[in-house]
Amino acid sequence: MSRRIDIVEVGPRDGLQNDPADLTVDQKLEFISRLEEAGVKRMESGSFVSPKAVPKMADSPAVFAGVDRSRSTRHIALALNEKGVRRAIDAKADEINFVLVAGETFGRKNQGMSPQESADMLAQCAPLALEAGIPLSATISVAFGDPYDGDVDIKVVGNLAAQAQRAGVGELALGDTIGVATPWDVRARIDRVRMEAPDVFLRMHFHDTRGAGLANVAAAVDAGVDVIDASCGGIGGCPFAPAATGNVATEDVVYMLERAGFETGLDLGKLIDTAHWLETALGHPVASSLSKAGGFPPA
């Protein structure tokens, strides 16, 4: 049996939060439903952050209220602080993903915190999720580079990972928020985090800003990481990162992995169809290669 690589679909959250289009709640729910039909089992379905800071996620409570709970998909809510965690709990999120930040200036602009302050906030908030019986993960944003300060010290990433493990986080994602990583950076940071936080499962979150997204996914998989974030159509980006572009495209990642013999459990044809639907819903083309070229061999 080939190795399984699980995809966490982040399109409904990270994909839509920076898109110029404003989808309605019904359109977001249709997006989520189409992804579920394609086989997605874990999905970032919204975020509980300041509606002033990220207005496109202001309707996340309505989205969580409208998802079909009879399906097996686990709906993940993103949160940055105690208020957000409490709102995610109230919305009956299946998982909560807390954001740590590795860059000083980006942290101040994105969530009003330094790296250490974000770790302190996680330690304060973790008991709330754990007492509610909700699995808690964390993402270290700008883990490979800060758009304002430049390179991020690998020691900072390792230290945040160690504090996340002590807080009770079961899964930790390293986020290349601005798309500056190379495959060699990926391996070095994975090795460092495994040394500092050996008991947490690793997940990787890549953006394709500089064209290295799929190469970085391959490097992470070669290093033994089994969970990858991706966004249908390659849509997305961070509102607080200048010139931010989208995540690695789910259909592109699935194509690459399955051609290499890995299993994802996702239906490539349905993902491509969803990317085409997105182009109509958003009113602009999406970035993914498979939405243009299709799979191979042709169906």
Protein backbone atom coordinates (compact mmCIF):
# COMPACT_ATOMS: atom_id res chain seq x y z
CA MET A 1 0.00 0.00 0.00
CA SER A 2 1.32 3.44 -0.88
CA ARG A 3 1.83 6.14 1.71
CA ARG A 4 -1.10 8.43 2.54
CA ILE A 5 -0.68 12.20 2.47
CA ASP A 6 -3.59 14.12 4.00
CA ILE A 7 -4.58 17.49 2.61
CA VAL A 8 -6.05 20.20 4.84
CA GLU A 9 -8.13 22.40 2.53
CA VAL A 10 -7.72 26.07 3.45
CA GLY A 11 -9.58 27.69 0.55
CA PRO A 12 -12.69 28.76 2.47
CA ARG A 13 -10.51 30.62 4.99
CA ASP A 14 -7.02 31.49 3.76
CA GLY A 15 -8.18 31.33 0.18
CA LEU A 16 -11.04 33.80 0.47
CA GLN A 17 -9.74 36.19 3.14
CA ASN A 18 -7.62 38.20 0.72
CA ASP A 19 -9.56 37.74 -2.50
CA PRO A 20 -11.08 40.87 -4.08
CA ALA A 21 -14.43 39.10 -4.46
CA ASP A 22 -17.03 39.01 -1.68
CA LEU A 23 -18.80 35.67 -1.63
CA THR A 24 -22.11 35.34 0.17
CA VAL A 25 -22.61 32.83 2.96
CA ASP A 26 -24.55 30.62 0.55
CA GLN A 27 -21.69 30.74 -1.97
CA LYS A 28 -19.18 29.87 0.75
CA LEU A 29 -21.33 26.94 1.81
CA GLU A 30 -21.53 25.76 -1.79
CA PHE A 31 -17.73 26.01 -2.03
CA ILE A 32 -17.42 23.92 1.13
CA SER A 33 -19.97 21.38 -0.14
CA ARG A 34 -18.14 21.00 -3.46
CA LEU A 35 -14.88 20.39 -1.60
CA GLU A 36 -16.58 17.78 0.55
CA GLU A 37 -17.88 16.07 -2.59
CA ALA A 38 -14.27 15.96 -3.79
CA GLY A 39 -13.33 14.03 -0.64
CA VAL A 40 -11.97 16.72 1.67
CA LYS A 41 -12.06 15.53 5.28
CA ARG A 42 -10.36 18.46 7.06
CA MET A 43 -11.01 22.06 6.09
CA GLU A 44 -10.37 25.56 7.42
CA SER A 45 -13.93 26.81 7.05
CA GLY A 46 -13.52 30.26 8.61
CA SER A 47 -11.73 32.38 11.18
CA PHE A 48 -12.80 34.14 14.34
CA VAL A 49 -10.77 37.31 14.15
CA SER A 50 -11.57 41.01 14.19
CA PRO A 51 -14.11 41.76 11.43
CA LYS A 52 -12.49 45.18 11.05
CA ALA A 53 -9.10 43.60 10.38
CA VAL A 54 -10.36 40.78 8.13
CA PRO A 55 -13.85 41.76 6.95
CA LYS A 56 -14.19 38.84 4.55
CA MET A 57 -14.28 36.45 7.51
CA ALA A 58 -16.90 38.41 9.46
CA ASP A 59 -19.58 35.90 8.45
CA SER A 60 -17.71 32.87 9.79
CA PRO A 61 -20.30 32.24 12.55
CA ALA A 62 -23.00 31.96 9.88
CA VAL A 63 -20.81 29.67 7.79
CA PHE A 64 -20.19 27.33 10.72
CA ALA A 65 -23.90 27.37 11.52
CA GLY A 66 -24.71 26.39 7.94
CA VAL A 67 -22.27 23.54 7.28
CA ASP A 68 -23.71 20.03 6.94
CA ARG A 69 -22.72 18.33 10.18
CA SER A 70 -23.92 14.95 8.94
CA ARG A 71 -20.86 14.74 6.73
CA SER A 72 -17.53 13.44 8.03
CA THR A 73 -15.57 16.63 7.28
CA ARG A 74 -13.89 18.28 10.27
CA HIS A 75 -14.35 22.05 10.14
CA ILE A 76 -11.38 23.99 11.51
CA ALA A 77 -11.67 27.51 12.91
CA LEU A 78 -8.68 29.85 13.03
CA ALA A 79 -8.18 32.04 16.11
CA LEU A 80 -5.54 34.50 17.33
CA ASN A 81 -6.58 35.23 20.92
CA GLU A 82 -8.91 34.27 23.76
CA LYS A 83 -11.93 36.02 22.29
CA GLY A 84 -11.47 34.19 19.02
CA VAL A 85 -11.05 30.82 20.73
CA ARG A 86 -14.24 31.35 22.75
CA ARG A 87 -16.15 32.31 19.59
CA ALA A 88 -14.83 29.23 17.80
CA ILE A 89 -15.97 27.04 20.68
CA ASP A 90 -19.41 28.67 20.59
CA ALA A 91 -19.57 27.98 16.83
CA LYS A 92 -18.94 24.29 17.51
CA ALA A 93 -15.72 24.14 15.54
CA ASP A 94 -14.39 20.59 15.19
CA GLU A 95 -10.83 21.85 15.57
CA ILE A 96 -9.20 25.15 16.46
CA ASN A 97 -6.02 26.34 14.75
CA PHE A 98 -4.17 29.00 16.74
CA VAL A 99 -1.70 31.32 15.02
CA LEU A 100 1.77 31.91 16.41
CA VAL A 101 4.05 34.37 14.67
CA ALA A 102 7.79 34.10 14.06
CA GLY A 103 8.39 37.63 12.76
CA GLU A 104 8.42 40.69 15.01
CA THR A 105 7.05 43.37 12.65
CA PHE A 106 4.64 41.08 10.84
CA GLY A 107 3.35 39.90 14.22
CA ARG A 108 2.63 43.47 15.28
CA LYS A 109 0.79 44.24 12.05
CA ASN A 110 -1.08 40.92 11.78
CA GLN A 111 -2.17 40.26 15.35
CA GLY A 112 -0.68 42.98 17.52
CA MET A 113 1.80 40.64 19.17
CA SER A 114 5.47 39.80 19.24
CA PRO A 115 6.51 36.15 18.75
CA GLN A 116 6.75 35.59 22.50
CA GLU A 117 3.47 37.34 23.16
CA SER A 118 1.76 35.04 20.66
CA ALA A 119 3.22 32.02 22.48
CA ASP A 120 2.03 33.43 25.81
CA MET A 121 -1.44 33.90 24.34
CA LEU A 122 -1.47 30.30 23.13
CA ALA A 123 -0.57 29.09 26.63
CA GLN A 124 -3.46 31.16 28.00
CA CYS A 125 -5.97 29.94 25.41
CA ALA A 126 -5.03 26.27 25.09
CA PRO A 127 -6.89 25.16 28.25
CA LEU A 128 -10.13 26.63 26.88
CA ALA A 129 -10.03 24.44 23.77
CA LEU A 130 -8.79 21.37 25.59
CA GLU A 131 -11.43 21.66 28.33
CA ALA A 132 -14.07 21.95 25.59
CA GLY A 133 -12.78 18.72 24.09
CA ILE A 134 -11.76 20.41 20.83
CA PRO A 135 -8.45 19.37 19.23
CA LEU A 136 -5.97 22.23 19.11
CA SER A 137 -3.39 22.83 16.42
CA ALA A 138 -1.13 25.81 15.81
CA THR A 139 0.45 27.44 12.78
CA ILE A 140 3.70 29.36 13.03
CA SER A 141 3.18 32.11 10.47
CA VAL A 142 6.11 33.68 8.56
CA ALA A 143 8.20 30.72 9.71
CA PHE A 144 10.56 31.20 6.76
CA GLY A 145 10.67 34.98 6.41
CA ASP A 146 9.03 38.22 7.53
CA PRO A 147 7.97 40.66 4.76
CA TYR A 148 9.21 43.60 6.84
CA ASP A 149 12.19 42.20 8.79
CA GLY A 150 13.57 39.70 6.29
CA ASP A 151 14.96 36.33 7.33
CA VAL A 152 13.54 34.68 10.44
CA ASP A 153 15.98 33.00 12.81
CA ILE A 154 15.45 29.25 12.86
CA LYS A 155 15.96 29.36 16.62
CA VAL A 156 12.81 31.47 16.98
CA VAL A 157 10.81 28.86 15.06
CA GLY A 158 12.20 26.06 17.20
CA ASN A 159 11.46 27.94 20.41
CA LEU A 160 7.87 28.62 19.39
CA ALA A 161 7.44 24.95 18.48
CA ALA A 162 8.71 23.90 21.92
CA GLN A 163 6.27 26.27 23.63
CA ALA A 164 3.41 24.99 21.46
CA GLN A 165 4.17 21.43 22.55
CA ARG A 166 4.20 22.47 26.21
CA ALA A 167 0.82 24.18 25.70
CA GLY A 168 -0.73 20.91 24.56
CA VAL A 169 -0.86 21.44 20.80
CA GLY A 170 -1.18 18.11 18.98
CA GLU A 171 -0.31 19.31 15.48
CA LEU A 172 1.95 22.15 14.39
CA ALA A 173 2.10 23.75 10.96
CA LEU A 174 5.04 25.74 9.64
CA GLY A 175 3.66 28.53 7.48
CA ASP A 176 5.54 30.04 4.57
CA THR A 177 3.13 32.96 4.63
CA ILE A 178 4.93 35.06 2.03
CA GLY A 179 6.31 32.27 -0.16
CA VAL A 180 10.06 32.69 0.36
CA ALA A 181 11.06 29.15 1.37
CA THR A 182 13.24 26.80 -0.64
CA PRO A 183 13.29 23.00 -0.28
CA TRP A 184 16.51 23.24 1.72
CA ASP A 185 14.95 25.74 4.13
CA VAL A 186 12.03 23.37 4.53
CA ARG A 187 14.20 20.46 5.53
CA ALA A 188 16.27 22.55 7.96
CA ARG A 189 13.21 23.88 9.78
CA ILE A 190 11.52 20.49 9.92
CA ASP A 191 14.67 19.04 11.48
CA ARG A 192 14.85 21.89 14.00
CA VAL A 193 11.20 21.60 15.02
CA ARG A 194 11.48 17.84 15.43
CA MET A 195 14.38 18.39 17.76
CA GLU A 196 12.58 21.07 19.81
CA ALA A 197 9.07 19.56 19.76
CA PRO A 198 9.37 15.83 19.09
CA ASP A 199 5.86 14.95 20.28
CA VAL A 200 3.79 17.07 17.88
CA PHE A 201 2.67 16.02 14.41
CA LEU A 202 3.93 18.30 11.66
CA ARG A 203 1.90 19.97 8.94
CA MET A 204 3.21 22.36 6.27
CA HIS A 205 1.59 25.45 4.78
CA PHE A 206 3.14 26.85 1.61
CA HIS A 207 2.38 29.80 -0.65
CA ASP A 208 3.53 29.80 -4.25
CA THR A 209 4.55 33.46 -4.37
CA ARG A 210 7.95 32.74 -5.89
CA GLY A 211 7.17 29.52 -7.72
CA ALA A 212 8.69 27.08 -5.22
CA GLY A 213 5.46 25.87 -3.60
CA LEU A 214 5.28 22.39 -5.14
CA ALA A 215 9.02 21.84 -4.69
CA ASN A 216 8.59 22.71 -1.02
CA VAL A 217 5.69 20.26 -0.70
CA ALA A 218 7.91 17.55 -2.20
CA ALA A 219 10.71 18.39 0.23
CA ALA A 220 8.34 18.19 3.19
CA VAL A 221 6.93 14.83 2.05
CA ASP A 222 10.46 13.50 1.52
CA ALA A 223 11.22 14.59 5.09
CA GLY A 224 8.33 12.47 6.36
CA VAL A 225 5.58 15.08 6.76
CA ASP A 226 2.17 13.54 6.07
CA VAL A 227 -0.16 16.58 6.26
CA ILE A 228 -0.13 19.48 3.77
CA ASP A 229 -2.29 22.62 3.63
CA ALA A 230 -3.57 23.61 0.19
CA SER A 231 -6.21 25.86 -1.35
CA CYS A 232 -8.44 24.91 -4.26
CA GLY A 233 -7.57 27.03 -7.29
CA GLY A 234 -4.45 28.33 -5.57
CA ILE A 235 -6.44 31.28 -4.25
CA GLY A 236 -5.50 33.22 -1.14
CA GLY A 237 -2.94 35.32 0.60
CA CYS A 238 -2.54 37.31 3.77
CA PRO A 239 -4.04 40.81 4.03
CA PHE A 240 -1.05 41.90 6.13
CA ALA A 241 1.69 40.65 3.78
CA PRO A 242 2.58 43.01 0.91
CA ALA A 243 2.27 41.43 -2.55
CA ALA A 244 0.82 38.28 -1.01
CA THR A 245 -0.27 35.61 -3.46
CA GLY A 246 -2.12 32.37 -3.11
CA ASN A 247 -1.50 29.07 -1.44
CA VAL A 248 -0.28 26.01 -3.27
CA ALA A 249 -3.28 24.79 -5.27
CA THR A 250 -4.99 21.68 -3.93
CA GLU A 251 -5.45 20.14 -7.38
CA ASP A 252 -1.81 20.78 -8.31
CA VAL A 253 -0.59 19.17 -5.07
CA VAL A 254 -2.91 16.18 -5.50
CA TYR A 255 -1.79 15.67 -9.10
CA MET A 256 1.89 15.73 -8.14
CA LEU A 257 1.49 13.40 -5.19
CA GLU A 258 -0.74 10.86 -6.90
CA ARG A 259 1.46 10.72 -10.01
CA ALA A 260 4.28 9.86 -7.59
CA GLY A 261 2.27 7.01 -6.09
CA PHE A 262 0.99 8.65 -2.90
CA GLU A 263 -2.65 8.45 -1.84
CA THR A 264 -4.67 11.55 -0.94
CA GLY A 265 -8.25 10.29 -1.01
CA LEU A 266 -9.28 13.28 -3.11
CA ASP A 267 -11.01 13.28 -6.48
CA LEU A 268 -8.83 15.29 -8.87
CA GLY A 269 -11.58 15.77 -11.44
CA LYS A 270 -13.97 17.19 -8.87
CA LEU A 271 -11.26 19.51 -7.54
CA ILE A 272 -10.65 20.84 -11.05
CA ASP A 273 -14.40 21.30 -11.52
CA THR A 274 -14.52 23.23 -8.23
CA ALA A 275 -11.65 25.45 -9.38
CA HIS A 276 -13.64 26.22 -12.55
CA TRP A 277 -16.72 26.98 -10.44
CA LEU A 278 -14.57 29.31 -8.31
CA GLU A 279 -13.56 31.31 -11.37
CA THR A 280 -17.22 32.06 -12.02
CA ALA A 281 -18.06 32.74 -8.36
CA LEU A 282 -15.06 35.02 -7.84
CA GLY A 283 -15.29 36.70 -11.23
CA HIS A 284 -11.63 36.20 -12.10
CA PRO A 285 -9.26 33.39 -13.14
CA VAL A 286 -7.60 31.21 -10.50
CA ALA A 287 -3.89 30.48 -10.42
CA SER A 288 -3.73 26.70 -10.41
CA SER A 289 -2.06 24.91 -13.30
CA LEU A 290 -4.43 21.92 -13.31
CA SER A 291 -7.46 24.20 -13.76
CA LYS A 292 -5.89 25.16 -17.11
CA ALA A 293 -4.10 22.02 -18.26
CA GLY A 294 -6.20 19.28 -16.69
CA GLY A 295 -4.86 15.99 -15.41
CA PHE A 296 -2.74 13.38 -17.17
CA PRO A 297 -3.42 10.95 -18.69
CA PRO A 298 -6.51 12.77 -19.90
CA ALA A 299 -9.74 11.42 -18.43
